[in-house]
């Protein structure tokens, strides 16, 4: 949780001295050390903010602190969604075999995935070609794929500053989704997990 601590200290230091920020945080953490994004949001909103309000001329939580709390709340919600998706059981998901080397199949799959709620970009890449659909600026995902394959990831996602990236290595290619930060991660991972390579089916 060192990253969360650093983020909180950095924002607090914009309103009070770095030393005061450190003391405030140390006192709050002495009561209870957060172990999840939701607990960090609770610490900020229910423990630190009442303390800060006595020191600062603000009636409401300043925008930077509010944004940090909201970011943790969203992350907490996404983790719950992912846990629910996992509990559903991957074996219960109807799998779909896809041929990443067939241009028409790539195009059809990309269009279908692009219709998922919150999705702003799709890449369906095979060994000999790929289909890309982006509502805005294209995001290069090719560099991430070999690393994920070497690490043995079945599905991977990352929460960026404004977006979510989810990747599924498949056969000699991959399927990538770019989505708004508020999109349901569990649903996106569901959509990716149920896809398998046609090569795996035909053995």
N, C-alpha and C. Protein backbone atom coordinates (compact mmCIF):
# COMPACT_ATOMS: atom_id res chain seq x y z
N UNK A 1 0.82 -1.21 0.00
CA UNK A 1 0.00 0.00 0.00
C UNK A 1 0.86 1.27 0.00
N UNK A 2 2.14 1.14 -0.23
CA UNK A 2 3.04 2.29 -0.22
C UNK A 2 2.62 3.33 -1.25
N UNK A 3 2.10 2.87 -2.38
CA UNK A 3 1.70 3.80 -3.45
C UNK A 3 0.54 4.67 -2.97
N UNK A 4 -0.44 4.06 -2.30
CA UNK A 4 -1.59 4.82 -1.78
C UNK A 4 -1.13 5.84 -0.75
N UNK A 5 -0.19 5.42 0.10
CA UNK A 5 0.34 6.31 1.13
C UNK A 5 1.01 7.52 0.50
N UNK A 6 1.82 7.26 -0.53
CA UNK A 6 2.54 8.34 -1.23
C UNK A 6 1.55 9.29 -1.90
N UNK A 7 0.54 8.72 -2.56
CA UNK A 7 -0.47 9.55 -3.24
C UNK A 7 -1.17 10.47 -2.24
N UNK A 8 -1.53 9.89 -1.10
CA UNK A 8 -2.23 10.66 -0.07
C UNK A 8 -1.34 11.75 0.51
N UNK A 9 -0.10 11.41 0.78
CA UNK A 9 0.85 12.40 1.32
C UNK A 9 1.05 13.55 0.35
N UNK A 10 1.16 13.19 -0.93
CA UNK A 10 1.40 14.22 -1.97
C UNK A 10 0.24 15.21 -2.02
N UNK A 11 -0.99 14.69 -1.97
CA UNK A 11 -2.17 15.58 -2.03
C UNK A 11 -2.31 16.39 -0.74
N UNK A 12 -2.10 15.73 0.40
CA UNK A 12 -2.21 16.45 1.68
C UNK A 12 -1.20 17.59 1.77
N UNK A 13 -0.01 17.36 1.18
CA UNK A 13 1.06 18.36 1.25
C UNK A 13 0.75 19.62 0.45
N UNK A 14 -0.31 19.55 -0.37
CA UNK A 14 -0.73 20.77 -1.10
C UNK A 14 -1.51 21.72 -0.19
N UNK A 15 -1.98 21.20 0.94
CA UNK A 15 -2.82 22.02 1.81
C UNK A 15 -2.17 22.32 3.16
N UNK A 16 -1.30 21.42 3.60
CA UNK A 16 -0.57 21.66 4.86
C UNK A 16 0.90 21.35 4.59
N UNK A 17 1.76 21.68 5.51
CA UNK A 17 3.18 21.41 5.31
C UNK A 17 3.43 19.90 5.22
N UNK A 18 4.50 19.50 4.52
CA UNK A 18 4.80 18.07 4.40
C UNK A 18 4.89 17.38 5.75
N UNK A 19 5.46 18.09 6.74
CA UNK A 19 5.59 17.49 8.07
C UNK A 19 4.22 17.28 8.72
N UNK A 20 3.37 18.29 8.59
CA UNK A 20 2.01 18.19 9.16
C UNK A 20 1.23 17.07 8.47
N UNK A 21 1.41 16.96 7.16
CA UNK A 21 0.73 15.91 6.39
C UNK A 21 1.17 14.53 6.88
N UNK A 22 2.47 14.40 7.10
CA UNK A 22 3.04 13.13 7.57
C UNK A 22 2.48 12.77 8.95
N UNK A 23 2.43 13.75 9.84
CA UNK A 23 1.91 13.52 11.19
C UNK A 23 0.44 13.12 11.18
N UNK A 24 -0.34 13.83 10.35
CA UNK A 24 -1.76 13.51 10.22
C UNK A 24 -1.96 12.08 9.76
N UNK A 25 -1.21 11.72 8.72
CA UNK A 25 -1.36 10.39 8.15
C UNK A 25 -0.89 9.31 9.13
N UNK A 26 0.21 9.59 9.82
CA UNK A 26 0.74 8.61 10.78
C UNK A 26 -0.28 8.33 11.89
N UNK A 27 -0.91 9.41 12.37
CA UNK A 27 -1.92 9.24 13.44
C UNK A 27 -3.11 8.41 12.95
N UNK A 28 -3.52 8.70 11.71
CA UNK A 28 -4.67 7.98 11.14
C UNK A 28 -4.33 6.51 10.92
N UNK A 29 -3.12 6.25 10.43
CA UNK A 29 -2.73 4.86 10.17
C UNK A 29 -2.49 4.07 11.45
N UNK A 30 -2.18 4.78 12.52
CA UNK A 30 -1.96 4.11 13.81
C UNK A 30 -3.27 3.51 14.31
N UNK A 31 -4.41 4.14 13.94
CA UNK A 31 -5.71 3.61 14.35
C UNK A 31 -6.04 2.33 13.58
N UNK A 32 -5.80 2.39 12.28
CA UNK A 32 -6.06 1.20 11.46
C UNK A 32 -5.36 1.34 10.11
N UNK A 33 -4.62 0.30 9.72
CA UNK A 33 -3.93 0.33 8.43
C UNK A 33 -4.87 -0.21 7.35
N UNK A 34 -5.21 0.62 6.35
CA UNK A 34 -6.11 0.16 5.28
C UNK A 34 -5.47 -0.99 4.48
N UNK A 35 -6.31 -1.93 4.07
CA UNK A 35 -5.80 -3.07 3.28
C UNK A 35 -6.48 -3.18 1.92
N UNK A 36 -7.31 -2.19 1.59
CA UNK A 36 -7.99 -2.21 0.28
C UNK A 36 -8.27 -0.78 -0.15
N UNK A 37 -8.53 -0.55 -1.45
CA UNK A 37 -8.85 0.81 -1.92
C UNK A 37 -10.05 1.42 -1.19
N UNK A 38 -11.06 0.59 -0.91
CA UNK A 38 -12.24 1.09 -0.20
C UNK A 38 -11.90 1.59 1.19
N UNK A 39 -10.98 0.89 1.87
CA UNK A 39 -10.57 1.31 3.22
C UNK A 39 -9.74 2.58 3.18
N UNK A 40 -8.95 2.74 2.11
CA UNK A 40 -8.18 3.99 1.96
C UNK A 40 -9.12 5.17 1.75
N UNK A 41 -10.16 4.95 0.95
CA UNK A 41 -11.16 6.02 0.73
C UNK A 41 -11.85 6.37 2.04
N UNK A 42 -12.18 5.35 2.83
CA UNK A 42 -12.83 5.57 4.12
C UNK A 42 -11.91 6.34 5.07
N UNK A 43 -10.64 5.98 5.08
CA UNK A 43 -9.66 6.67 5.92
C UNK A 43 -9.60 8.16 5.57
N UNK A 44 -9.59 8.45 4.28
CA UNK A 44 -9.51 9.84 3.83
C UNK A 44 -10.78 10.60 4.18
N UNK A 45 -11.93 10.01 3.89
CA UNK A 45 -13.20 10.72 4.07
C UNK A 45 -13.64 10.83 5.54
N UNK A 46 -13.42 9.76 6.30
CA UNK A 46 -13.98 9.72 7.65
C UNK A 46 -12.97 10.04 8.76
N UNK A 47 -11.69 9.88 8.48
CA UNK A 47 -10.68 10.13 9.52
C UNK A 47 -9.85 11.38 9.24
N UNK A 48 -9.26 11.43 8.05
CA UNK A 48 -8.36 12.56 7.74
C UNK A 48 -9.10 13.86 7.46
N UNK A 49 -10.19 13.77 6.70
CA UNK A 49 -10.87 15.01 6.33
C UNK A 49 -11.43 15.76 7.54
N UNK A 50 -12.08 15.11 8.52
CA UNK A 50 -12.53 15.85 9.71
C UNK A 50 -11.38 16.56 10.43
N UNK A 51 -10.20 15.93 10.45
CA UNK A 51 -9.02 16.57 11.05
C UNK A 51 -8.59 17.79 10.25
N UNK A 52 -8.54 17.60 8.93
CA UNK A 52 -8.10 18.69 8.05
C UNK A 52 -9.06 19.87 8.08
N UNK A 53 -10.35 19.57 8.21
CA UNK A 53 -11.37 20.63 8.17
C UNK A 53 -11.17 21.63 9.30
N UNK A 54 -10.59 21.14 10.41
CA UNK A 54 -10.33 22.03 11.54
C UNK A 54 -9.14 22.97 11.24
N UNK A 55 -8.29 22.54 10.32
CA UNK A 55 -7.08 23.33 10.00
C UNK A 55 -7.26 24.23 8.80
N UNK A 56 -8.18 23.86 7.91
CA UNK A 56 -8.30 24.56 6.62
C UNK A 56 -9.60 25.36 6.54
N UNK A 57 -9.60 26.42 5.73
CA UNK A 57 -10.82 27.25 5.59
C UNK A 57 -11.77 26.70 4.53
N UNK A 58 -12.00 25.38 4.54
CA UNK A 58 -12.88 24.75 3.56
C UNK A 58 -14.07 24.12 4.26
N UNK A 59 -15.25 24.32 3.67
CA UNK A 59 -16.43 23.64 4.20
C UNK A 59 -16.53 22.23 3.62
N UNK A 60 -16.16 22.14 2.33
CA UNK A 60 -16.22 20.85 1.65
C UNK A 60 -14.82 20.37 1.33
N UNK A 61 -14.72 19.07 1.10
CA UNK A 61 -13.42 18.49 0.76
C UNK A 61 -12.89 19.09 -0.54
N UNK A 62 -11.62 19.53 -0.56
CA UNK A 62 -11.04 20.11 -1.77
C UNK A 62 -11.05 19.11 -2.94
N UNK A 63 -11.09 19.63 -4.19
CA UNK A 63 -11.22 18.78 -5.38
C UNK A 63 -10.18 17.65 -5.47
N UNK A 64 -8.91 17.97 -5.15
CA UNK A 64 -7.86 16.94 -5.29
C UNK A 64 -8.09 15.78 -4.33
N UNK A 65 -8.50 16.08 -3.09
CA UNK A 65 -8.78 15.02 -2.11
C UNK A 65 -10.02 14.23 -2.52
N UNK A 66 -11.03 14.95 -3.01
CA UNK A 66 -12.27 14.29 -3.44
C UNK A 66 -11.98 13.35 -4.62
N UNK A 67 -11.14 13.81 -5.55
CA UNK A 67 -10.80 13.00 -6.73
C UNK A 67 -10.07 11.72 -6.31
N UNK A 68 -9.17 11.85 -5.32
CA UNK A 68 -8.42 10.69 -4.85
C UNK A 68 -9.36 9.67 -4.19
N UNK A 69 -10.28 10.17 -3.37
CA UNK A 69 -11.25 9.28 -2.71
C UNK A 69 -12.13 8.58 -3.75
N UNK A 70 -12.55 9.34 -4.76
CA UNK A 70 -13.41 8.75 -5.82
C UNK A 70 -12.66 7.69 -6.60
N UNK A 71 -11.38 7.95 -6.86
CA UNK A 71 -10.55 6.98 -7.59
C UNK A 71 -10.46 5.67 -6.81
N UNK A 72 -10.27 5.77 -5.50
CA UNK A 72 -10.21 4.56 -4.67
C UNK A 72 -11.55 3.86 -4.62
N UNK A 73 -12.65 4.64 -4.56
CA UNK A 73 -13.98 4.04 -4.55
C UNK A 73 -14.25 3.25 -5.84
N UNK A 74 -13.85 3.84 -6.98
CA UNK A 74 -14.05 3.16 -8.27
C UNK A 74 -13.22 1.88 -8.33
N UNK A 75 -11.99 1.97 -7.85
CA UNK A 75 -11.11 0.80 -7.86
C UNK A 75 -11.70 -0.30 -6.97
N UNK A 76 -12.24 0.10 -5.83
CA UNK A 76 -12.87 -0.87 -4.92
C UNK A 76 -14.07 -1.54 -5.61
N UNK A 77 -14.87 -0.72 -6.30
CA UNK A 77 -16.05 -1.26 -6.99
C UNK A 77 -15.64 -2.22 -8.09
N UNK A 78 -14.55 -1.88 -8.81
CA UNK A 78 -14.10 -2.74 -9.91
C UNK A 78 -13.57 -4.07 -9.38
N UNK A 79 -12.94 -4.04 -8.21
CA UNK A 79 -12.43 -5.28 -7.62
C UNK A 79 -13.58 -6.18 -7.19
N UNK A 80 -14.65 -5.56 -6.68
CA UNK A 80 -15.84 -6.34 -6.31
C UNK A 80 -16.45 -6.97 -7.55
N UNK A 81 -16.52 -6.19 -8.64
CA UNK A 81 -17.09 -6.70 -9.89
C UNK A 81 -16.26 -7.87 -10.42
N UNK A 82 -14.95 -7.75 -10.32
CA UNK A 82 -14.08 -8.82 -10.81
C UNK A 82 -14.24 -10.07 -9.95
N UNK A 83 -14.36 -9.86 -8.62
CA UNK A 83 -14.53 -11.00 -7.72
C UNK A 83 -15.84 -11.71 -8.02
N UNK A 84 -16.89 -10.92 -8.30
CA UNK A 84 -18.19 -11.52 -8.63
C UNK A 84 -18.11 -12.32 -9.93
N UNK A 85 -17.34 -11.77 -10.88
CA UNK A 85 -17.18 -12.46 -12.16
C UNK A 85 -16.46 -13.78 -11.96
N UNK A 86 -15.46 -13.78 -11.07
CA UNK A 86 -14.70 -14.99 -10.80
C UNK A 86 -15.57 -16.02 -10.10
N UNK A 87 -16.41 -15.54 -9.14
CA UNK A 87 -17.27 -16.45 -8.39
C UNK A 87 -18.29 -17.13 -9.28
N UNK A 88 -18.68 -16.44 -10.37
CA UNK A 88 -19.65 -17.03 -11.28
C UNK A 88 -19.11 -18.34 -11.85
N UNK A 89 -17.78 -18.41 -11.94
CA UNK A 89 -17.14 -19.64 -12.41
C UNK A 89 -16.91 -19.61 -13.90
N UNK A 90 -15.65 -19.66 -14.30
CA UNK A 90 -15.35 -19.61 -15.73
C UNK A 90 -15.91 -20.82 -16.46
N UNK A 91 -16.03 -21.97 -15.74
CA UNK A 91 -16.54 -23.16 -16.41
C UNK A 91 -18.00 -22.99 -16.83
N UNK A 92 -18.72 -22.02 -16.19
CA UNK A 92 -20.12 -21.81 -16.54
C UNK A 92 -20.27 -20.89 -17.75
N UNK A 93 -19.21 -20.22 -18.13
CA UNK A 93 -19.29 -19.30 -19.26
C UNK A 93 -19.31 -20.09 -20.56
N UNK A 94 -20.23 -19.75 -21.48
CA UNK A 94 -20.20 -20.41 -22.78
C UNK A 94 -18.98 -19.90 -23.55
N UNK A 95 -18.05 -20.79 -23.85
CA UNK A 95 -16.85 -20.33 -24.55
C UNK A 95 -17.14 -20.15 -26.03
N UNK A 96 -16.35 -19.30 -26.66
CA UNK A 96 -16.51 -19.04 -28.09
C UNK A 96 -15.14 -19.15 -28.75
N UNK A 97 -15.05 -20.01 -29.75
CA UNK A 97 -13.79 -20.18 -30.48
C UNK A 97 -13.70 -19.11 -31.57
N UNK A 98 -12.56 -18.42 -31.62
CA UNK A 98 -12.38 -17.37 -32.63
C UNK A 98 -11.12 -17.65 -33.45
N UNK A 99 -11.20 -17.34 -34.73
CA UNK A 99 -10.06 -17.52 -35.63
C UNK A 99 -9.42 -16.16 -35.88
N UNK A 100 -8.31 -15.90 -35.21
CA UNK A 100 -7.66 -14.59 -35.33
C UNK A 100 -6.93 -14.41 -36.66
N UNK A 101 -6.82 -15.49 -37.45
CA UNK A 101 -6.14 -15.38 -38.74
C UNK A 101 -7.12 -15.14 -39.89
N UNK A 102 -8.41 -15.13 -39.59
CA UNK A 102 -9.44 -14.87 -40.60
C UNK A 102 -9.85 -13.40 -40.52
N UNK A 103 -9.55 -12.60 -41.56
CA UNK A 103 -9.86 -11.16 -41.52
C UNK A 103 -11.33 -10.86 -41.22
N UNK A 104 -12.24 -11.64 -41.82
CA UNK A 104 -13.67 -11.39 -41.58
C UNK A 104 -14.05 -11.71 -40.14
N UNK A 105 -13.47 -12.78 -39.60
CA UNK A 105 -13.75 -13.15 -38.21
C UNK A 105 -13.23 -12.08 -37.25
N UNK A 106 -12.03 -11.54 -37.56
CA UNK A 106 -11.46 -10.47 -36.73
C UNK A 106 -12.36 -9.24 -36.76
N UNK A 107 -12.81 -8.90 -37.96
CA UNK A 107 -13.66 -7.71 -38.13
C UNK A 107 -14.98 -7.87 -37.37
N UNK A 108 -15.59 -9.05 -37.48
CA UNK A 108 -16.87 -9.32 -36.82
C UNK A 108 -16.71 -9.25 -35.30
N UNK A 109 -15.64 -9.86 -34.79
CA UNK A 109 -15.40 -9.87 -33.34
C UNK A 109 -15.14 -8.46 -32.82
N UNK A 110 -14.33 -7.69 -33.56
CA UNK A 110 -14.00 -6.32 -33.14
C UNK A 110 -15.27 -5.46 -33.04
N UNK A 111 -16.15 -5.59 -34.03
CA UNK A 111 -17.39 -4.79 -34.02
C UNK A 111 -18.28 -5.18 -32.85
N UNK A 112 -18.31 -6.48 -32.55
CA UNK A 112 -19.15 -6.95 -31.45
C UNK A 112 -18.62 -6.46 -30.10
N UNK A 113 -17.30 -6.56 -29.91
CA UNK A 113 -16.70 -6.12 -28.66
C UNK A 113 -16.82 -4.60 -28.47
N UNK A 114 -16.78 -3.88 -29.59
CA UNK A 114 -16.87 -2.41 -29.54
C UNK A 114 -18.24 -1.95 -29.02
N UNK A 115 -19.23 -2.85 -29.09
CA UNK A 115 -20.58 -2.49 -28.62
C UNK A 115 -20.74 -2.69 -27.11
N UNK A 116 -19.75 -3.29 -26.45
CA UNK A 116 -19.83 -3.46 -24.99
C UNK A 116 -19.88 -2.09 -24.32
N UNK A 117 -20.64 -1.99 -23.26
CA UNK A 117 -20.82 -0.71 -22.57
C UNK A 117 -19.49 -0.16 -22.04
N UNK A 118 -19.19 1.08 -22.42
CA UNK A 118 -17.98 1.74 -21.91
C UNK A 118 -16.75 1.54 -22.77
N UNK A 119 -16.81 0.62 -23.74
CA UNK A 119 -15.64 0.34 -24.58
C UNK A 119 -15.42 1.46 -25.59
N UNK A 120 -14.17 1.95 -25.65
CA UNK A 120 -13.84 3.03 -26.60
C UNK A 120 -12.83 2.58 -27.65
N UNK A 121 -12.30 1.38 -27.50
CA UNK A 121 -11.33 0.89 -28.48
C UNK A 121 -11.19 -0.62 -28.40
N UNK A 122 -10.98 -1.24 -29.58
CA UNK A 122 -10.80 -2.70 -29.65
C UNK A 122 -9.67 -3.01 -30.62
N UNK A 123 -8.83 -3.98 -30.25
CA UNK A 123 -7.83 -4.51 -31.16
C UNK A 123 -7.97 -6.02 -31.17
N UNK A 124 -8.16 -6.59 -32.34
CA UNK A 124 -8.18 -8.05 -32.50
C UNK A 124 -7.02 -8.38 -33.43
N UNK A 125 -5.95 -8.94 -32.87
CA UNK A 125 -4.71 -9.13 -33.63
C UNK A 125 -4.37 -10.60 -33.76
N UNK A 126 -4.08 -11.00 -34.99
CA UNK A 126 -3.57 -12.35 -35.27
C UNK A 126 -2.12 -12.25 -35.67
N UNK A 127 -1.56 -13.36 -36.09
CA UNK A 127 -0.15 -13.38 -36.49
C UNK A 127 0.06 -12.58 -37.78
N UNK A 128 -0.94 -12.62 -38.66
CA UNK A 128 -0.76 -12.02 -39.99
C UNK A 128 -1.67 -10.82 -40.27
N UNK A 129 -2.22 -10.22 -39.23
CA UNK A 129 -3.06 -9.05 -39.46
C UNK A 129 -3.88 -8.72 -38.23
N UNK A 130 -4.44 -7.52 -38.24
CA UNK A 130 -5.26 -7.14 -37.09
C UNK A 130 -6.35 -6.16 -37.48
N UNK A 131 -7.39 -6.13 -36.67
CA UNK A 131 -8.51 -5.22 -36.84
C UNK A 131 -8.53 -4.26 -35.66
N UNK A 132 -8.57 -2.95 -35.93
CA UNK A 132 -8.59 -1.96 -34.85
C UNK A 132 -9.81 -1.06 -35.00
N UNK A 133 -10.46 -0.82 -33.90
CA UNK A 133 -11.59 0.12 -33.87
C UNK A 133 -11.41 1.02 -32.65
N UNK A 134 -11.22 2.32 -32.88
CA UNK A 134 -11.08 3.26 -31.77
C UNK A 134 -11.99 4.45 -32.01
N UNK A 135 -12.70 4.88 -30.95
CA UNK A 135 -13.56 6.05 -31.09
C UNK A 135 -12.74 7.33 -31.01
N UNK A 136 -11.52 7.24 -30.48
CA UNK A 136 -10.63 8.40 -30.39
C UNK A 136 -9.25 8.06 -30.91
N UNK A 137 -8.24 8.57 -30.23
CA UNK A 137 -6.86 8.31 -30.61
C UNK A 137 -6.50 6.84 -30.37
N UNK A 138 -5.96 6.13 -31.40
CA UNK A 138 -5.58 4.73 -31.21
C UNK A 138 -4.50 4.58 -30.14
N UNK A 139 -4.57 3.50 -29.40
CA UNK A 139 -3.59 3.21 -28.35
C UNK A 139 -2.77 1.99 -28.77
N UNK A 140 -1.43 2.11 -28.84
CA UNK A 140 -0.61 0.97 -29.25
C UNK A 140 -0.52 -0.09 -28.15
N UNK A 141 -1.09 -1.25 -28.40
CA UNK A 141 -1.09 -2.32 -27.41
C UNK A 141 -0.11 -3.45 -27.77
N UNK A 142 0.47 -3.35 -28.97
CA UNK A 142 1.34 -4.43 -29.45
C UNK A 142 2.54 -4.69 -28.54
N UNK A 143 3.04 -3.64 -27.88
CA UNK A 143 4.23 -3.81 -27.05
C UNK A 143 3.92 -4.60 -25.78
N UNK A 144 2.70 -4.48 -25.30
CA UNK A 144 2.34 -5.16 -24.04
C UNK A 144 2.11 -6.65 -24.25
N UNK A 145 1.66 -7.03 -25.44
CA UNK A 145 1.26 -8.42 -25.66
C UNK A 145 2.39 -9.44 -25.44
N UNK A 146 3.59 -9.26 -26.03
CA UNK A 146 4.65 -10.26 -25.82
C UNK A 146 5.02 -10.42 -24.35
N UNK A 147 5.04 -9.31 -23.62
CA UNK A 147 5.37 -9.36 -22.19
C UNK A 147 4.34 -10.19 -21.43
N UNK A 148 3.06 -9.95 -21.72
CA UNK A 148 1.99 -10.68 -21.04
C UNK A 148 2.07 -12.17 -21.36
N UNK A 149 2.39 -12.47 -22.62
CA UNK A 149 2.46 -13.88 -23.02
C UNK A 149 3.60 -14.59 -22.28
N UNK A 150 4.74 -13.89 -22.17
CA UNK A 150 5.89 -14.48 -21.47
C UNK A 150 5.57 -14.69 -19.99
N UNK A 151 4.80 -13.75 -19.41
CA UNK A 151 4.46 -13.86 -17.99
C UNK A 151 3.36 -14.89 -17.74
N UNK A 152 2.74 -15.37 -18.81
CA UNK A 152 1.72 -16.41 -18.67
C UNK A 152 0.34 -15.90 -18.27
N UNK A 153 0.05 -14.63 -18.52
CA UNK A 153 -1.27 -14.09 -18.16
C UNK A 153 -2.35 -14.66 -19.09
N UNK A 154 -3.49 -15.05 -18.51
CA UNK A 154 -4.64 -15.45 -19.33
C UNK A 154 -5.43 -14.21 -19.73
N UNK A 155 -5.65 -13.34 -18.74
CA UNK A 155 -6.30 -12.05 -18.96
C UNK A 155 -5.59 -11.04 -18.06
N UNK A 156 -5.38 -9.86 -18.57
CA UNK A 156 -4.68 -8.83 -17.80
C UNK A 156 -5.44 -7.52 -17.95
N UNK A 157 -5.51 -6.74 -16.87
CA UNK A 157 -6.07 -5.40 -17.04
C UNK A 157 -5.29 -4.40 -16.20
N UNK A 158 -5.33 -3.15 -16.62
CA UNK A 158 -4.67 -2.07 -15.89
C UNK A 158 -5.58 -0.86 -15.89
N UNK A 159 -5.62 -0.15 -14.76
CA UNK A 159 -6.39 1.08 -14.67
C UNK A 159 -5.43 2.25 -14.85
N UNK A 160 -5.60 2.97 -15.94
CA UNK A 160 -4.74 4.11 -16.24
C UNK A 160 -5.37 5.38 -15.68
N UNK A 161 -4.79 6.50 -16.04
CA UNK A 161 -5.29 7.77 -15.49
C UNK A 161 -6.75 8.03 -15.87
N UNK A 162 -7.08 7.76 -17.13
CA UNK A 162 -8.45 8.03 -17.58
C UNK A 162 -9.16 6.82 -18.16
N UNK A 163 -8.44 5.70 -18.33
CA UNK A 163 -9.02 4.58 -19.03
C UNK A 163 -8.65 3.25 -18.38
N UNK A 164 -9.32 2.21 -18.84
CA UNK A 164 -8.98 0.84 -18.46
C UNK A 164 -8.48 0.14 -19.72
N UNK A 165 -7.41 -0.63 -19.58
CA UNK A 165 -6.93 -1.46 -20.68
C UNK A 165 -7.04 -2.91 -20.24
N UNK A 166 -7.65 -3.75 -21.07
CA UNK A 166 -7.75 -5.19 -20.77
C UNK A 166 -7.22 -5.96 -21.98
N UNK A 167 -6.41 -6.98 -21.71
CA UNK A 167 -5.78 -7.75 -22.79
C UNK A 167 -5.96 -9.24 -22.57
N UNK A 168 -6.16 -9.96 -23.65
CA UNK A 168 -6.23 -11.43 -23.59
C UNK A 168 -5.34 -12.01 -24.67
N UNK A 169 -4.14 -12.54 -24.31
CA UNK A 169 -3.30 -13.23 -25.30
C UNK A 169 -4.03 -14.48 -25.78
N UNK A 170 -3.99 -14.71 -27.09
CA UNK A 170 -4.71 -15.85 -27.66
C UNK A 170 -3.92 -16.38 -28.86
N UNK A 171 -3.57 -17.67 -28.83
CA UNK A 171 -2.79 -18.29 -29.91
C UNK A 171 -1.56 -17.42 -30.20
N UNK A 172 -1.40 -17.00 -31.46
CA UNK A 172 -0.26 -16.15 -31.82
C UNK A 172 -0.64 -14.67 -31.85
N UNK A 173 -1.75 -14.34 -31.25
CA UNK A 173 -2.19 -12.95 -31.26
C UNK A 173 -2.77 -12.54 -29.92
N UNK A 174 -3.64 -11.54 -29.94
CA UNK A 174 -4.27 -11.09 -28.69
C UNK A 174 -5.53 -10.29 -29.02
N UNK A 175 -6.34 -10.09 -28.00
CA UNK A 175 -7.52 -9.24 -28.09
C UNK A 175 -7.38 -8.18 -27.02
N UNK A 176 -7.50 -6.92 -27.39
CA UNK A 176 -7.33 -5.82 -26.44
C UNK A 176 -8.56 -4.94 -26.41
N UNK A 177 -8.92 -4.48 -25.21
CA UNK A 177 -10.04 -3.56 -25.04
C UNK A 177 -9.57 -2.31 -24.32
N UNK A 178 -10.02 -1.17 -24.79
CA UNK A 178 -9.80 0.10 -24.11
C UNK A 178 -11.18 0.59 -23.70
N UNK A 179 -11.33 0.98 -22.43
CA UNK A 179 -12.66 1.38 -21.96
C UNK A 179 -12.56 2.60 -21.04
N UNK A 180 -13.71 3.26 -20.86
CA UNK A 180 -13.77 4.37 -19.93
C UNK A 180 -13.50 3.86 -18.52
N UNK A 181 -12.96 4.73 -17.68
CA UNK A 181 -12.56 4.30 -16.34
C UNK A 181 -13.74 3.80 -15.51
N UNK A 182 -14.95 4.32 -15.81
CA UNK A 182 -16.11 3.91 -15.01
C UNK A 182 -16.76 2.63 -15.55
N UNK A 183 -16.20 2.04 -16.62
CA UNK A 183 -16.77 0.82 -17.18
C UNK A 183 -16.69 -0.33 -16.18
N UNK A 184 -17.55 -1.30 -16.33
CA UNK A 184 -17.59 -2.47 -15.43
C UNK A 184 -16.48 -3.44 -15.83
N UNK A 185 -15.42 -3.49 -15.04
CA UNK A 185 -14.27 -4.34 -15.37
C UNK A 185 -14.66 -5.81 -15.38
N UNK A 186 -15.49 -6.22 -14.42
CA UNK A 186 -15.92 -7.61 -14.37
C UNK A 186 -16.56 -8.06 -15.67
N UNK A 187 -17.40 -7.19 -16.24
CA UNK A 187 -18.08 -7.52 -17.50
C UNK A 187 -17.09 -7.62 -18.66
N UNK A 188 -16.12 -6.72 -18.68
CA UNK A 188 -15.12 -6.75 -19.75
C UNK A 188 -14.28 -8.02 -19.67
N UNK A 189 -13.89 -8.39 -18.44
CA UNK A 189 -13.08 -9.60 -18.27
C UNK A 189 -13.89 -10.85 -18.63
N UNK A 190 -15.17 -10.84 -18.32
CA UNK A 190 -16.06 -11.93 -18.72
C UNK A 190 -16.00 -12.11 -20.24
N UNK A 191 -16.16 -10.97 -20.94
CA UNK A 191 -16.20 -11.01 -22.41
C UNK A 191 -14.91 -11.57 -22.98
N UNK A 192 -13.78 -11.26 -22.35
CA UNK A 192 -12.49 -11.75 -22.85
C UNK A 192 -12.23 -13.20 -22.47
N UNK A 193 -12.59 -13.57 -21.23
CA UNK A 193 -12.29 -14.93 -20.74
C UNK A 193 -13.00 -16.01 -21.56
N UNK A 194 -14.17 -15.68 -22.08
CA UNK A 194 -14.94 -16.72 -22.79
C UNK A 194 -14.43 -16.96 -24.21
N UNK A 195 -13.49 -16.13 -24.66
CA UNK A 195 -12.94 -16.30 -26.01
C UNK A 195 -11.74 -17.25 -25.97
N UNK A 196 -11.76 -18.26 -26.84
CA UNK A 196 -10.62 -19.15 -26.96
C UNK A 196 -10.21 -19.25 -28.43
N UNK A 197 -9.00 -19.68 -28.65
CA UNK A 197 -8.48 -19.77 -30.02
C UNK A 197 -9.07 -20.99 -30.74
N UNK A 198 -9.37 -20.80 -32.01
CA UNK A 198 -9.87 -21.90 -32.84
C UNK A 198 -8.83 -23.03 -32.89
N UNK A 199 -7.56 -22.61 -32.84
CA UNK A 199 -6.47 -23.60 -32.87
C UNK A 199 -6.54 -24.53 -31.67
N UNK A 200 -6.95 -24.00 -30.50
CA UNK A 200 -7.06 -24.83 -29.29
C UNK A 200 -8.17 -25.87 -29.45
N UNK A 201 -9.26 -25.48 -30.11
CA UNK A 201 -10.40 -26.37 -30.27
C UNK A 201 -10.05 -27.49 -31.26
N UNK A 202 -9.42 -27.08 -32.40
CA UNK A 202 -9.11 -28.07 -33.42
C UNK A 202 -7.91 -28.92 -33.04
N UNK A 203 -7.23 -28.48 -31.92
CA UNK A 203 -6.18 -29.27 -31.31
C UNK A 203 -4.91 -29.35 -32.08
